[in-house]
C-alpha cells in the first residue's frame, strides 16, 4: 500500500494503490501515521520527505469502499476514525483517543 525509500537527502513515501488511484482507507492512514511517527524521525540523513503516488493519480482522496463501510459507523466510531486521519500529519502531537 505504501513504499518508503531513501534517495540521496530525501525520504520518498509512495502511495502504491494505482488500481484505485491511491485512495486512502484506514490501512493507508495507519501505515502513513506509522511512517511519519517512526521512520521519518529516524531518517537522520533525510532533509525532506517526498510524498508521491504510483500510476495516473497522486491520490483520489478516500477509498469509496471504505466510505461505504463507514456509513454504518456509530458517531463514536466516526469520531475515532476522523481523529486517526487528523493524527496522520506529523506536525502535531497525536490526539488522545
N, C-alpha and C. Protein backbone atom coordinates (compact mmCIF):
# COMPACT_ATOMS: atom_id res chain seq x y z
N UNK A 1 0.81 -1.21 0.00
CA UNK A 1 0.00 0.00 0.00
C UNK A 1 0.84 1.27 0.00
N UNK A 2 1.95 1.25 0.74
CA UNK A 2 2.83 2.41 0.84
C UNK A 2 4.27 1.90 0.82
N UNK A 3 5.09 2.52 -0.01
CA UNK A 3 6.51 2.17 -0.07
C UNK A 3 7.33 3.33 0.48
N UNK A 4 8.45 3.01 1.11
CA UNK A 4 9.36 4.02 1.66
C UNK A 4 10.76 3.72 1.14
N UNK A 5 11.41 4.75 0.59
CA UNK A 5 12.77 4.60 0.08
C UNK A 5 13.60 5.81 0.48
N UNK A 6 14.86 5.57 0.77
CA UNK A 6 15.80 6.67 0.98
C UNK A 6 16.46 6.96 -0.36
N UNK A 7 16.43 8.21 -0.78
CA UNK A 7 17.06 8.63 -2.03
C UNK A 7 17.83 9.91 -1.76
N UNK A 8 19.15 9.81 -1.82
CA UNK A 8 20.03 10.96 -1.57
C UNK A 8 19.66 11.58 -0.22
N UNK A 9 19.21 12.83 -0.23
CA UNK A 9 18.87 13.54 1.00
C UNK A 9 17.38 13.53 1.31
N UNK A 10 16.64 12.63 0.64
CA UNK A 10 15.19 12.61 0.80
C UNK A 10 14.70 11.23 1.22
N UNK A 11 13.59 11.23 1.92
CA UNK A 11 12.85 10.00 2.22
C UNK A 11 11.62 10.06 1.32
N UNK A 12 11.49 9.12 0.41
CA UNK A 12 10.38 9.12 -0.55
C UNK A 12 9.32 8.13 -0.09
N UNK A 13 8.12 8.64 0.17
CA UNK A 13 6.98 7.84 0.61
C UNK A 13 6.01 7.80 -0.56
N UNK A 14 5.75 6.59 -1.06
CA UNK A 14 4.93 6.44 -2.27
C UNK A 14 3.66 5.67 -1.97
N UNK A 15 2.52 6.30 -2.23
CA UNK A 15 1.24 5.60 -2.16
C UNK A 15 1.22 4.62 -3.31
N UNK A 16 0.91 3.36 -3.04
CA UNK A 16 1.04 2.31 -4.05
C UNK A 16 -0.26 1.52 -4.20
N UNK A 17 -1.31 2.23 -4.59
CA UNK A 17 -2.60 1.61 -4.88
C UNK A 17 -3.11 2.18 -6.20
N UNK A 18 -2.35 2.05 -7.28
CA UNK A 18 -2.70 2.71 -8.53
C UNK A 18 -4.03 2.24 -9.12
N UNK A 19 -4.44 1.01 -8.81
CA UNK A 19 -5.70 0.49 -9.35
C UNK A 19 -6.90 1.28 -8.85
N UNK A 20 -6.78 1.91 -7.69
CA UNK A 20 -7.88 2.76 -7.19
C UNK A 20 -7.38 4.19 -6.94
N UNK A 21 -6.42 4.59 -7.76
CA UNK A 21 -5.88 5.96 -7.75
C UNK A 21 -5.37 6.39 -6.37
N UNK A 22 -4.72 5.43 -5.68
CA UNK A 22 -4.05 5.70 -4.40
C UNK A 22 -5.00 6.28 -3.35
N UNK A 23 -6.23 5.82 -3.37
CA UNK A 23 -7.23 6.30 -2.41
C UNK A 23 -6.86 5.85 -0.99
N UNK A 24 -7.18 6.70 -0.04
CA UNK A 24 -6.93 6.44 1.38
C UNK A 24 -8.01 5.53 1.95
N UNK A 25 -7.60 4.65 2.85
CA UNK A 25 -8.53 3.92 3.71
C UNK A 25 -7.87 3.83 5.08
N UNK A 26 -8.49 3.11 5.99
CA UNK A 26 -7.95 3.06 7.35
C UNK A 26 -6.56 2.42 7.39
N UNK A 27 -6.27 1.50 6.47
CA UNK A 27 -4.96 0.84 6.46
C UNK A 27 -3.86 1.78 5.95
N UNK A 28 -4.16 2.54 4.91
CA UNK A 28 -3.19 3.52 4.39
C UNK A 28 -2.92 4.58 5.45
N UNK A 29 -3.97 5.05 6.10
CA UNK A 29 -3.81 6.07 7.14
C UNK A 29 -2.94 5.54 8.28
N UNK A 30 -3.18 4.30 8.70
CA UNK A 30 -2.37 3.71 9.78
C UNK A 30 -0.91 3.56 9.34
N UNK A 31 -0.71 3.13 8.11
CA UNK A 31 0.65 2.96 7.61
C UNK A 31 1.37 4.31 7.52
N UNK A 32 0.73 5.32 6.98
CA UNK A 32 1.35 6.64 6.89
C UNK A 32 1.63 7.22 8.27
N UNK A 33 0.71 7.02 9.20
CA UNK A 33 0.93 7.50 10.56
C UNK A 33 2.17 6.86 11.16
N UNK A 34 2.31 5.55 10.96
CA UNK A 34 3.49 4.85 11.45
C UNK A 34 4.76 5.38 10.80
N UNK A 35 4.71 5.60 9.49
CA UNK A 35 5.89 6.12 8.78
C UNK A 35 6.28 7.50 9.30
N UNK A 36 5.30 8.41 9.42
CA UNK A 36 5.61 9.77 9.86
C UNK A 36 6.02 9.81 11.33
N UNK A 37 5.51 8.89 12.12
CA UNK A 37 5.81 8.87 13.54
C UNK A 37 7.13 8.17 13.84
N UNK A 38 7.42 7.09 13.13
CA UNK A 38 8.57 6.27 13.46
C UNK A 38 9.72 6.33 12.46
N UNK A 39 9.43 6.21 11.17
CA UNK A 39 10.51 6.15 10.19
C UNK A 39 11.10 7.52 9.86
N UNK A 40 10.25 8.52 9.70
CA UNK A 40 10.76 9.84 9.34
C UNK A 40 11.72 10.38 10.40
N UNK A 41 11.39 10.32 11.68
CA UNK A 41 12.34 10.84 12.68
C UNK A 41 13.67 10.09 12.71
N UNK A 42 13.67 8.80 12.33
CA UNK A 42 14.90 8.01 12.33
C UNK A 42 15.74 8.22 11.07
N UNK A 43 15.16 8.84 10.06
CA UNK A 43 15.88 9.07 8.80
C UNK A 43 16.77 10.30 8.96
N UNK A 44 17.85 10.13 9.70
CA UNK A 44 18.69 11.27 10.08
C UNK A 44 19.34 11.96 8.89
N UNK A 45 19.57 11.24 7.79
CA UNK A 45 20.21 11.87 6.63
C UNK A 45 19.20 12.58 5.73
N UNK A 46 17.93 12.35 5.94
CA UNK A 46 16.91 12.95 5.08
C UNK A 46 16.70 14.42 5.45
N UNK A 47 16.74 15.27 4.43
CA UNK A 47 16.48 16.69 4.62
C UNK A 47 15.04 17.04 4.27
N UNK A 48 14.36 16.11 3.59
CA UNK A 48 12.96 16.34 3.25
C UNK A 48 12.27 15.00 3.06
N UNK A 49 10.94 15.05 3.09
CA UNK A 49 10.12 13.90 2.81
C UNK A 49 9.29 14.23 1.57
N UNK A 50 9.33 13.32 0.60
CA UNK A 50 8.54 13.49 -0.62
C UNK A 50 7.41 12.48 -0.56
N UNK A 51 6.18 12.96 -0.64
CA UNK A 51 5.00 12.10 -0.66
C UNK A 51 4.48 12.09 -2.08
N UNK A 52 4.44 10.91 -2.70
CA UNK A 52 4.04 10.78 -4.09
C UNK A 52 3.14 9.57 -4.24
N UNK A 53 2.70 9.32 -5.46
CA UNK A 53 1.84 8.17 -5.73
C UNK A 53 2.20 7.50 -7.04
N UNK A 54 1.91 6.21 -7.13
CA UNK A 54 2.14 5.48 -8.36
C UNK A 54 0.91 5.62 -9.27
N UNK A 55 1.12 5.43 -10.56
CA UNK A 55 0.01 5.47 -11.51
C UNK A 55 -0.35 6.87 -11.94
N UNK A 56 -1.57 7.03 -12.45
CA UNK A 56 -2.03 8.29 -13.04
C UNK A 56 -2.31 9.39 -12.01
N UNK A 57 -2.66 9.00 -10.80
CA UNK A 57 -3.11 9.98 -9.81
C UNK A 57 -2.23 9.95 -8.57
N UNK A 58 -2.02 11.13 -7.98
CA UNK A 58 -1.35 11.17 -6.67
C UNK A 58 -2.25 10.47 -5.66
N UNK A 59 -3.47 10.96 -5.49
CA UNK A 59 -4.46 10.33 -4.63
C UNK A 59 -5.84 10.87 -4.96
N UNK A 60 -6.78 9.97 -5.10
CA UNK A 60 -8.16 10.35 -5.41
C UNK A 60 -8.93 10.75 -4.16
N UNK A 61 -8.28 10.70 -3.00
CA UNK A 61 -8.99 11.02 -1.75
C UNK A 61 -9.34 9.74 -1.02
N UNK A 62 -10.56 9.66 -0.55
CA UNK A 62 -10.99 8.49 0.24
C UNK A 62 -11.41 7.34 -0.67
N UNK A 63 -11.07 6.14 -0.23
CA UNK A 63 -11.47 4.91 -0.91
C UNK A 63 -12.99 4.76 -0.78
N UNK A 64 -13.68 4.63 -1.91
CA UNK A 64 -15.15 4.55 -1.89
C UNK A 64 -15.65 3.34 -1.11
N UNK A 65 -14.97 2.21 -1.20
CA UNK A 65 -15.38 1.02 -0.44
C UNK A 65 -15.28 1.29 1.06
N UNK A 66 -14.24 2.01 1.47
CA UNK A 66 -14.08 2.38 2.88
C UNK A 66 -15.20 3.33 3.30
N UNK A 67 -15.51 4.30 2.46
CA UNK A 67 -16.57 5.25 2.79
C UNK A 67 -17.92 4.56 2.90
N UNK A 68 -18.18 3.57 2.04
CA UNK A 68 -19.45 2.82 2.12
C UNK A 68 -19.53 2.06 3.44
N UNK A 69 -18.41 1.51 3.87
CA UNK A 69 -18.37 0.79 5.14
C UNK A 69 -18.63 1.74 6.31
N UNK A 70 -18.15 2.99 6.17
CA UNK A 70 -18.27 3.96 7.26
C UNK A 70 -19.72 4.44 7.47
N UNK A 71 -20.58 4.22 6.50
CA UNK A 71 -21.97 4.62 6.64
C UNK A 71 -22.61 3.97 7.86
N UNK A 72 -22.17 2.75 8.16
CA UNK A 72 -22.74 2.02 9.30
C UNK A 72 -22.03 2.33 10.62
N UNK A 73 -20.99 3.17 10.59
CA UNK A 73 -20.27 3.51 11.81
C UNK A 73 -21.15 4.33 12.75
N UNK A 74 -20.94 4.15 14.04
CA UNK A 74 -21.61 4.98 15.03
C UNK A 74 -20.94 6.35 15.06
N UNK A 75 -21.53 7.29 15.79
CA UNK A 75 -20.92 8.61 15.93
C UNK A 75 -19.53 8.48 16.56
N UNK A 76 -19.41 7.65 17.58
CA UNK A 76 -18.11 7.46 18.25
C UNK A 76 -17.08 6.86 17.30
N UNK A 77 -17.50 5.89 16.48
CA UNK A 77 -16.57 5.28 15.53
C UNK A 77 -16.13 6.29 14.47
N UNK A 78 -17.05 7.11 13.99
CA UNK A 78 -16.70 8.15 13.02
C UNK A 78 -15.75 9.17 13.63
N UNK A 79 -15.98 9.54 14.87
CA UNK A 79 -15.11 10.49 15.56
C UNK A 79 -13.70 9.90 15.71
N UNK A 80 -13.64 8.64 16.13
CA UNK A 80 -12.34 7.97 16.28
C UNK A 80 -11.63 7.90 14.93
N UNK A 81 -12.36 7.58 13.88
CA UNK A 81 -11.78 7.49 12.54
C UNK A 81 -11.25 8.84 12.07
N UNK A 82 -12.01 9.90 12.33
CA UNK A 82 -11.55 11.24 11.93
C UNK A 82 -10.31 11.66 12.71
N UNK A 83 -10.21 11.25 13.96
CA UNK A 83 -9.01 11.55 14.76
C UNK A 83 -7.80 10.83 14.19
N UNK A 84 -7.98 9.59 13.72
CA UNK A 84 -6.85 8.86 13.13
C UNK A 84 -6.35 9.57 11.88
N UNK A 85 -7.25 10.10 11.07
CA UNK A 85 -6.84 10.84 9.88
C UNK A 85 -6.11 12.12 10.29
N UNK A 86 -6.63 12.82 11.28
CA UNK A 86 -6.01 14.04 11.78
C UNK A 86 -4.62 13.76 12.35
N UNK A 87 -4.49 12.64 13.07
CA UNK A 87 -3.21 12.28 13.70
C UNK A 87 -2.16 11.85 12.69
N UNK A 88 -2.57 11.60 11.46
CA UNK A 88 -1.63 11.17 10.44
C UNK A 88 -0.58 12.23 10.14
N UNK A 89 -0.93 13.48 10.31
CA UNK A 89 0.02 14.55 10.00
C UNK A 89 1.03 14.67 11.13
N UNK A 90 2.31 14.69 10.80
CA UNK A 90 3.35 14.64 11.83
C UNK A 90 3.68 15.97 12.49
N UNK A 91 3.11 17.05 12.02
CA UNK A 91 3.49 18.36 12.54
C UNK A 91 2.78 18.71 13.83
N UNK A 92 2.18 17.75 14.47
CA UNK A 92 1.45 18.00 15.70
C UNK A 92 1.51 16.78 16.59
N UNK A 93 1.18 16.95 17.84
CA UNK A 93 1.13 15.84 18.77
C UNK A 93 -0.11 14.99 18.48
N UNK A 94 -0.02 13.67 18.67
CA UNK A 94 -1.20 12.80 18.45
C UNK A 94 -2.36 13.18 19.36
N UNK A 95 -3.56 12.99 18.85
CA UNK A 95 -4.79 13.27 19.60
C UNK A 95 -4.99 12.15 20.62
N UNK A 96 -5.40 12.50 21.81
CA UNK A 96 -5.71 11.49 22.82
C UNK A 96 -7.00 10.81 22.44
N UNK A 97 -6.96 9.48 22.30
CA UNK A 97 -8.16 8.72 21.91
C UNK A 97 -8.83 8.13 23.11
